[in-house]
Amino acid sequence: MALEGPADPSPFREEHLRVVTAVANLAASRLESLRLREETADKRRLEEDLRGAARIQESLLPRTRRPFPVGSSPGRAGCAAR
């Protein structure tokens, strides 16, 4: 915030400077608080989205494992023996 007045003599006293400084500090504090609240809300939404994605992925997995037939390997499934 810039305060401008005549170059000499200044119409602003030390008290004016203290008041303006206090208001500027309060505004800065409020803005930082708002930024932190928004950041926290963003993180919470992201965590909820990740939990939802994990539930979806888990629902796509088979409930039980089927054993591989004896003598075969996952890389050769469906290949004819030679």
Protein backbone atom coordinates (compact mmCIF):
# COMPACT_ATOMS: atom_id res chain seq x y z
CA MET A 1 0.00 0.00 0.00
CA ALA A 2 1.47 3.36 -0.95
CA LEU A 3 0.53 6.62 0.68
CA GLU A 4 1.56 9.74 -1.13
CA GLY A 5 1.29 13.32 -0.03
CA PRO A 6 3.15 16.55 -0.52
CA ALA A 7 6.92 16.10 -0.40
CA ASP A 8 7.36 18.58 2.41
CA PRO A 9 5.92 18.91 5.02
CA SER A 10 4.34 15.49 5.34
CA PRO A 11 0.65 15.47 6.28
CA PHE A 12 1.09 12.01 7.79
CA ARG A 13 2.20 11.54 11.36
CA GLU A 14 3.89 8.56 12.96
CA GLU A 15 0.49 7.50 14.31
CA HIS A 16 -0.86 7.29 10.75
CA LEU A 17 2.02 5.04 9.78
CA ARG A 18 1.36 2.73 12.76
CA VAL A 19 -2.34 2.46 11.92
CA VAL A 20 -1.70 1.75 8.24
CA THR A 21 0.98 -0.81 9.16
CA ALA A 22 -1.39 -2.55 11.59
CA VAL A 23 -4.16 -2.69 8.96
CA ALA A 24 -1.73 -4.02 6.33
CA ASN A 25 -0.46 -6.69 8.75
CA LEU A 26 -4.02 -7.72 9.59
CA ALA A 27 -4.91 -7.97 5.90
CA ALA A 28 -1.80 -10.05 5.21
CA SER A 29 -2.64 -12.34 8.11
CA ARG A 30 -6.21 -12.84 6.89
CA LEU A 31 -5.05 -13.55 3.34
CA GLU A 32 -2.55 -16.14 4.58
CA SER A 33 -5.24 -17.76 6.72
CA LEU A 34 -7.58 -17.95 3.72
CA ARG A 35 -4.81 -19.44 1.56
CA LEU A 36 -4.11 -22.11 4.17
CA ARG A 37 -7.81 -22.99 4.50
CA GLU A 38 -8.11 -23.35 0.73
CA GLU A 39 -4.97 -25.50 0.63
CA THR A 40 -6.34 -27.72 3.39
CA ALA A 41 -9.68 -28.08 1.57
CA ASP A 42 -7.84 -28.97 -1.67
CA LYS A 43 -5.81 -31.64 0.12
CA ARG A 44 -8.95 -33.06 1.73
CA ARG A 45 -10.70 -33.28 -1.66
CA LEU A 46 -7.65 -34.98 -3.19
CA GLU A 47 -7.52 -37.52 -0.35
CA GLU A 48 -11.24 -38.27 -0.82
CA ASP A 49 -10.69 -38.73 -4.56
CA LEU A 50 -7.77 -41.08 -3.93
CA ARG A 51 -9.83 -43.15 -1.47
CA GLY A 52 -12.61 -43.39 -4.05
CA ALA A 53 -10.14 -44.45 -6.74
CA ALA A 54 -8.68 -47.10 -4.41
CA ARG A 55 -12.18 -48.48 -3.73
CA ILE A 56 -12.89 -48.67 -7.46
CA GLN A 57 -9.59 -50.41 -8.18
CA GLU A 58 -10.15 -52.84 -5.34
CA SER A 59 -13.62 -53.66 -6.64
CA LEU A 60 -12.10 -54.60 -10.01
CA LEU A 61 -9.74 -57.17 -8.48
CA PRO A 62 -10.86 -60.80 -8.30
CA ARG A 63 -12.15 -61.86 -4.89
CA THR A 64 -10.13 -65.09 -4.82
CA ARG A 65 -6.98 -66.26 -6.49
CA ARG A 66 -7.17 -69.17 -8.85
CA PRO A 67 -4.12 -71.44 -8.70
CA PHE A 68 -2.12 -71.97 -11.86
CA PRO A 69 -2.20 -75.46 -13.31
CA VAL A 70 0.79 -77.58 -12.34
CA GLY A 71 3.65 -77.21 -14.82
CA SER A 72 2.59 -73.86 -16.24
CA SER A 73 3.72 -70.36 -15.50
CA PRO A 74 1.90 -67.04 -15.79
CA GLY A 75 4.03 -66.08 -18.79
CA ARG A 76 3.13 -69.23 -20.73
CA ALA A 77 -0.59 -69.43 -19.97
CA GLY A 78 -2.53 -70.38 -23.06
CA CYS A 79 0.57 -71.51 -25.02
CA ALA A 80 0.68 -75.02 -26.44
CA ALA A 81 3.37 -77.29 -25.01
CA ARG A 82 6.18 -78.05 -27.44
